[in-house]
Amino acid sequence: MDVLAPILGSVGILATLGWILRSYLAHRRQLKTTALQAELQGKLLDKFNSTDDLRTYLESDVGERFLLSATVEQASPLRRILGSVQVGLILTAAGMAFLTMESRFTDTHDSLGMIFIGTLSLALGIGFLVSAAVSTRLSRTWGLLNGHKTDEL
């Protein structure tokens, strides 16, 4: 474990910094998108001369889409499900790799460390995959993926 600790620590720190940077950039992009949407929607609403014109517009199909787009974030179950599948596959593969590499270490501390990390990664990966499968099933049942609700569960 003495050999693995610095390597795993470095990888962990880099992964954490990468995740923080990715989250920050996604947040900035979301803020810019929201600001641009609000500005565009404000300009569009300013174009109407009377409340009757605005009411007529909002009752039309285009107006309904405008109201739906006014929400800050649309639910995207497919994106979240695919994210869970990606993380699950990566963690499962990493866990299997750690468990496979365990036999190459002669020191029991290193071997136990590999078993621990491998088992943890494998369990988390399988958990993410099961979560994605359940989310897919529920999203289809509730009509979030294919647009129509089904009664089966």
C-alpha atoms as a PDB file:
ATOM      1  CA  MET A   1       0.000   0.000   0.000  1.00  0.00           C
ATOM      2  CA  ASP A   2       3.007   2.250   0.459  1.00  0.00           C
ATOM      3  CA  VAL A   3       3.559   2.247  -3.296  1.00  0.00           C
ATOM      4  CA  LEU A   4      -0.103   2.739  -4.195  1.00  0.00           C
ATOM      5  CA  ALA A   5      -0.939   5.562  -1.794  1.00  0.00           C
ATOM      6  CA  PRO A   6       0.861   8.367  -3.674  1.00  0.00           C
ATOM      7  CA  ILE A   7      -0.424   7.156  -7.037  1.00  0.00           C
ATOM      8  CA  LEU A   8      -4.029   6.846  -5.896  1.00  0.00           C
ATOM      9  CA  GLY A   9      -3.808  10.138  -4.029  1.00  0.00           C
ATOM     10  CA  SER A  10      -2.533  11.943  -7.129  1.00  0.00           C
ATOM     11  CA  VAL A  11      -5.207  10.388  -9.332  1.00  0.00           C
ATOM     12  CA  GLY A  12      -7.871  11.273  -6.782  1.00  0.00           C
ATOM     13  CA  ILE A  13      -6.734  14.892  -6.541  1.00  0.00           C
ATOM     14  CA  LEU A  14      -6.594  15.274 -10.338  1.00  0.00           C
ATOM     15  CA  ALA A  15     -10.024  13.674 -10.733  1.00  0.00           C
ATOM     16  CA  THR A  16     -11.486  15.980  -8.097  1.00  0.00           C
ATOM     17  CA  LEU A  17      -9.954  19.082  -9.694  1.00  0.00           C
ATOM     18  CA  GLY A  18     -11.244  17.968 -13.100  1.00  0.00           C
ATOM     19  CA  TRP A  19     -14.723  17.450 -11.713  1.00  0.00           C
ATOM     20  CA  ILE A  20     -14.697  20.890 -10.037  1.00  0.00           C
ATOM     21  CA  LEU A  21     -13.546  22.553 -13.281  1.00  0.00           C
ATOM     22  CA  ARG A  22     -16.173  20.697 -15.316  1.00  0.00           C
ATOM     23  CA  SER A  23     -18.920  21.670 -12.849  1.00  0.00           C
ATOM     24  CA  TYR A  24     -17.797  25.307 -12.864  1.00  0.00           C
ATOM     25  CA  LEU A  25     -17.772  25.500 -16.676  1.00  0.00           C
ATOM     26  CA  ALA A  26     -21.183  23.821 -16.929  1.00  0.00           C
ATOM     27  CA  HIS A  27     -22.572  26.291 -14.390  1.00  0.00           C
ATOM     28  CA  ARG A  28     -21.163  29.264 -16.329  1.00  0.00           C
ATOM     29  CA  ARG A  29     -22.632  27.930 -19.564  1.00  0.00           C
ATOM     30  CA  GLN A  30     -26.023  27.467 -17.889  1.00  0.00           C
ATOM     31  CA  LEU A  31     -25.942  31.023 -16.509  1.00  0.00           C
ATOM     32  CA  LYS A  32     -25.123  32.476 -19.932  1.00  0.00           C
ATOM     33  CA  THR A  33     -27.854  30.424 -21.590  1.00  0.00           C
ATOM     34  CA  THR A  34     -30.402  31.488 -18.984  1.00  0.00           C
ATOM     35  CA  ALA A  35     -29.437  35.163 -19.320  1.00  0.00           C
ATOM     36  CA  LEU A  36     -29.698  35.026 -23.117  1.00  0.00           C
ATOM     37  CA  GLN A  37     -33.070  33.259 -22.927  1.00  0.00           C
ATOM     38  CA  ALA A  38     -34.414  35.813 -20.448  1.00  0.00           C
ATOM     39  CA  GLU A  39     -33.231  38.700 -22.617  1.00  0.00           C
ATOM     40  CA  LEU A  40     -34.770  37.214 -25.758  1.00  0.00           C
ATOM     41  CA  GLN A  41     -38.047  36.443 -24.013  1.00  0.00           C
ATOM     42  CA  GLY A  42     -38.156  39.952 -22.543  1.00  0.00           C
ATOM     43  CA  LYS A  43     -37.649  41.524 -25.968  1.00  0.00           C
ATOM     44  CA  LEU A  44     -40.364  39.298 -27.431  1.00  0.00           C
ATOM     45  CA  LEU A  45     -42.845  40.247 -24.719  1.00  0.00           C
ATOM     46  CA  ASP A  46     -42.063  43.946 -25.224  1.00  0.00           C
ATOM     47  CA  LYS A  47     -43.219  43.663 -28.861  1.00  0.00           C
ATOM     48  CA  PHE A  48     -46.865  43.153 -27.855  1.00  0.00           C
ATOM     49  CA  ASN A  49     -48.980  46.311 -27.796  1.00  0.00           C
ATOM     50  CA  SER A  50     -51.911  45.032 -25.779  1.00  0.00           C
ATOM     51  CA  THR A  51     -52.758  42.275 -23.353  1.00  0.00           C
ATOM     52  CA  ASP A  52     -55.201  40.799 -25.883  1.00  0.00           C
ATOM     53  CA  ASP A  53     -52.352  40.334 -28.385  1.00  0.00           C
ATOM     54  CA  LEU A  54     -50.235  38.717 -25.683  1.00  0.00           C
ATOM     55  CA  ARG A  55     -53.083  36.419 -24.566  1.00  0.00           C
ATOM     56  CA  THR A  56     -53.759  35.347 -28.160  1.00  0.00           C
ATOM     57  CA  TYR A  57     -50.077  34.616 -28.672  1.00  0.00           C
ATOM     58  CA  LEU A  58     -49.751  32.611 -25.450  1.00  0.00           C
ATOM     59  CA  GLU A  59     -52.829  30.525 -26.304  1.00  0.00           C
ATOM     60  CA  SER A  60     -51.338  29.492 -29.661  1.00  0.00           C
ATOM     61  CA  ASP A  61     -49.045  26.469 -30.155  1.00  0.00           C
ATOM     62  CA  VAL A  62     -46.035  28.745 -30.499  1.00  0.00           C
ATOM     63  CA  GLY A  63     -47.025  30.555 -27.296  1.00  0.00           C
ATOM     64  CA  GLU A  64     -47.306  27.266 -25.400  1.00  0.00           C
ATOM     65  CA  ARG A  65     -43.802  26.345 -26.522  1.00  0.00           C
ATOM     66  CA  PHE A  66     -42.657  29.797 -25.413  1.00  0.00           C
ATOM     67  CA  LEU A  67     -44.084  29.195 -21.939  1.00  0.00           C
ATOM     68  CA  LEU A  68     -42.472  25.759 -21.772  1.00  0.00           C
ATOM     69  CA  SER A  69     -39.110  27.207 -22.750  1.00  0.00           C
ATOM     70  CA  ALA A  70     -39.439  29.871 -20.051  1.00  0.00           C
ATOM     71  CA  THR A  71     -38.555  27.295 -17.428  1.00  0.00           C
ATOM     72  CA  VAL A  72     -34.921  27.490 -16.412  1.00  0.00           C
ATOM     73  CA  GLU A  73     -34.065  23.857 -16.959  1.00  0.00           C
ATOM     74  CA  GLN A  74     -35.982  21.242 -18.870  1.00  0.00           C
ATOM     75  CA  ALA A  75     -35.898  17.750 -17.417  1.00  0.00           C
ATOM     76  CA  SER A  76     -33.620  15.542 -19.470  1.00  0.00           C
ATOM     77  CA  PRO A  77     -33.916  11.993 -18.189  1.00  0.00           C
ATOM     78  CA  LEU A  78     -32.086  10.531 -21.169  1.00  0.00           C
ATOM     79  CA  ARG A  79     -28.981  12.643 -20.509  1.00  0.00           C
ATOM     80  CA  ARG A  80     -28.955  11.639 -16.847  1.00  0.00           C
ATOM     81  CA  ILE A  81     -29.510   7.988 -17.667  1.00  0.00           C
ATOM     82  CA  LEU A  82     -26.654   7.995 -20.181  1.00  0.00           C
ATOM     83  CA  GLY A  83     -24.438   9.720 -17.624  1.00  0.00           C
ATOM     84  CA  SER A  84     -25.207   6.984 -15.101  1.00  0.00           C
ATOM     85  CA  VAL A  85     -24.442   4.302 -17.687  1.00  0.00           C
ATOM     86  CA  GLN A  86     -21.109   5.932 -18.533  1.00  0.00           C
ATOM     87  CA  VAL A  87     -20.056   6.274 -14.904  1.00  0.00           C
ATOM     88  CA  GLY A  88     -21.276   2.756 -14.164  1.00  0.00           C
ATOM     89  CA  LEU A  89     -19.303   1.221 -17.014  1.00  0.00           C
ATOM     90  CA  ILE A  90     -16.140   3.111 -16.094  1.00  0.00           C
ATOM     91  CA  LEU A  91     -16.360   2.216 -12.406  1.00  0.00           C
ATOM     92  CA  THR A  92     -17.176  -1.419 -13.184  1.00  0.00           C
ATOM     93  CA  ALA A  93     -14.220  -1.696 -15.557  1.00  0.00           C
ATOM     94  CA  ALA A  94     -11.918   0.003 -13.045  1.00  0.00           C
ATOM     95  CA  GLY A  95     -13.106  -2.306 -10.269  1.00  0.00           C
ATOM     96  CA  MET A  96     -12.506  -5.382 -12.400  1.00  0.00           C
ATOM     97  CA  ALA A  97      -9.052  -4.072 -13.314  1.00  0.00           C
ATOM     98  CA  PHE A  98      -8.144  -3.520  -9.664  1.00  0.00           C
ATOM     99  CA  LEU A  99      -9.386  -6.973  -8.711  1.00  0.00           C
ATOM    100  CA  THR A 100      -7.431  -8.509 -11.600  1.00  0.00           C
ATOM    101  CA  MET A 101      -4.253  -6.623 -10.676  1.00  0.00           C
ATOM    102  CA  GLU A 102      -4.543  -7.723  -7.037  1.00  0.00           C
ATOM    103  CA  SER A 103      -2.903 -11.067  -7.745  1.00  0.00           C
ATOM    104  CA  ARG A 104       0.257  -9.353  -9.063  1.00  0.00           C
ATOM    105  CA  PHE A 105       1.136  -7.834  -5.682  1.00  0.00           C
ATOM    106  CA  THR A 106       3.115  -9.950  -3.247  1.00  0.00           C
ATOM    107  CA  ASP A 107       2.695  -7.619  -0.268  1.00  0.00           C
ATOM    108  CA  THR A 108      -0.515  -8.350   1.628  1.00  0.00           C
ATOM    109  CA  HIS A 109      -1.153  -4.664   2.377  1.00  0.00           C
ATOM    110  CA  ASP A 110      -0.969  -3.781  -1.316  1.00  0.00           C
ATOM    111  CA  SER A 111      -3.104  -6.781  -2.182  1.00  0.00           C
ATOM    112  CA  LEU A 112      -5.754  -5.851   0.401  1.00  0.00           C
ATOM    113  CA  GLY A 113      -5.744  -2.263  -0.854  1.00  0.00           C
ATOM    114  CA  MET A 114      -6.367  -3.436  -4.403  1.00  0.00           C
ATOM    115  CA  ILE A 115      -9.169  -5.731  -3.236  1.00  0.00           C
ATOM    116  CA  PHE A 116     -10.774  -2.905  -1.270  1.00  0.00           C
ATOM    117  CA  ILE A 117     -10.577  -0.381  -4.120  1.00  0.00           C
ATOM    118  CA  GLY A 118     -11.640  -2.982  -6.684  1.00  0.00           C
ATOM    119  CA  THR A 119     -14.631  -4.135  -4.669  1.00  0.00           C
ATOM    120  CA  LEU A 120     -15.715  -0.577  -3.925  1.00  0.00           C
ATOM    121  CA  SER A 121     -15.397   0.486  -7.579  1.00  0.00           C
ATOM    122  CA  LEU A 122     -17.196  -2.620  -8.790  1.00  0.00           C
ATOM    123  CA  ALA A 123     -20.053  -2.153  -6.315  1.00  0.00           C
ATOM    124  CA  LEU A 124     -20.445   1.521  -7.225  1.00  0.00           C
ATOM    125  CA  GLY A 125     -20.335   0.728 -10.947  1.00  0.00           C
ATOM    126  CA  ILE A 126     -22.995  -1.950 -10.644  1.00  0.00           C
ATOM    127  CA  GLY A 127     -25.070   0.436  -8.526  1.00  0.00           C
ATOM    128  CA  PHE A 128     -24.911   3.116 -11.226  1.00  0.00           C
ATOM    129  CA  LEU A 129     -25.889   0.586 -13.904  1.00  0.00           C
ATOM    130  CA  VAL A 130     -28.842  -0.678 -11.862  1.00  0.00           C
ATOM    131  CA  SER A 131     -29.867   2.933 -11.207  1.00  0.00           C
ATOM    132  CA  ALA A 132     -29.760   3.673 -14.944  1.00  0.00           C
ATOM    133  CA  ALA A 133     -31.876   0.591 -15.705  1.00  0.00           C
ATOM    134  CA  VAL A 134     -34.487   1.526 -13.102  1.00  0.00           C
ATOM    135  CA  SER A 135     -34.517   5.150 -14.290  1.00  0.00           C
ATOM    136  CA  THR A 136     -35.007   4.027 -17.883  1.00  0.00           C
ATOM    137  CA  ARG A 137     -37.899   1.785 -16.920  1.00  0.00           C
ATOM    138  CA  LEU A 138     -39.599   4.461 -14.815  1.00  0.00           C
ATOM    139  CA  SER A 139     -39.029   7.198 -17.407  1.00  0.00           C
ATOM    140  CA  ARG A 140     -40.643   5.058 -20.086  1.00  0.00           C
ATOM    141  CA  THR A 141     -43.535   4.196 -17.797  1.00  0.00           C
ATOM    142  CA  TRP A 142     -44.123   7.850 -16.938  1.00  0.00           C
ATOM    143  CA  GLY A 143     -43.831   8.917 -20.581  1.00  0.00           C
ATOM    144  CA  LEU A 144     -40.681  10.987 -20.115  1.00  0.00           C
ATOM    145  CA  LEU A 145     -38.643   9.205 -22.795  1.00  0.00           C
ATOM    146  CA  ASN A 146     -41.039   8.214 -25.528  1.00  0.00           C
ATOM    147  CA  GLY A 147     -43.676  10.877 -25.025  1.00  0.00           C
ATOM    148  CA  HIS A 148     -46.567   8.627 -24.039  1.00  0.00           C
ATOM    149  CA  LYS A 149     -47.396   7.010 -20.752  1.00  0.00           C
ATOM    150  CA  THR A 150     -47.639   3.240 -20.376  1.00  0.00           C
ATOM    151  CA  ASP A 151     -49.394   1.296 -17.648  1.00  0.00           C
ATOM    152  CA  GLU A 152     -46.797  -1.432 -17.275  1.00  0.00           C
ATOM    153  CA  LEU A 153     -44.135  -1.252 -14.595  1.00  0.00           C
END
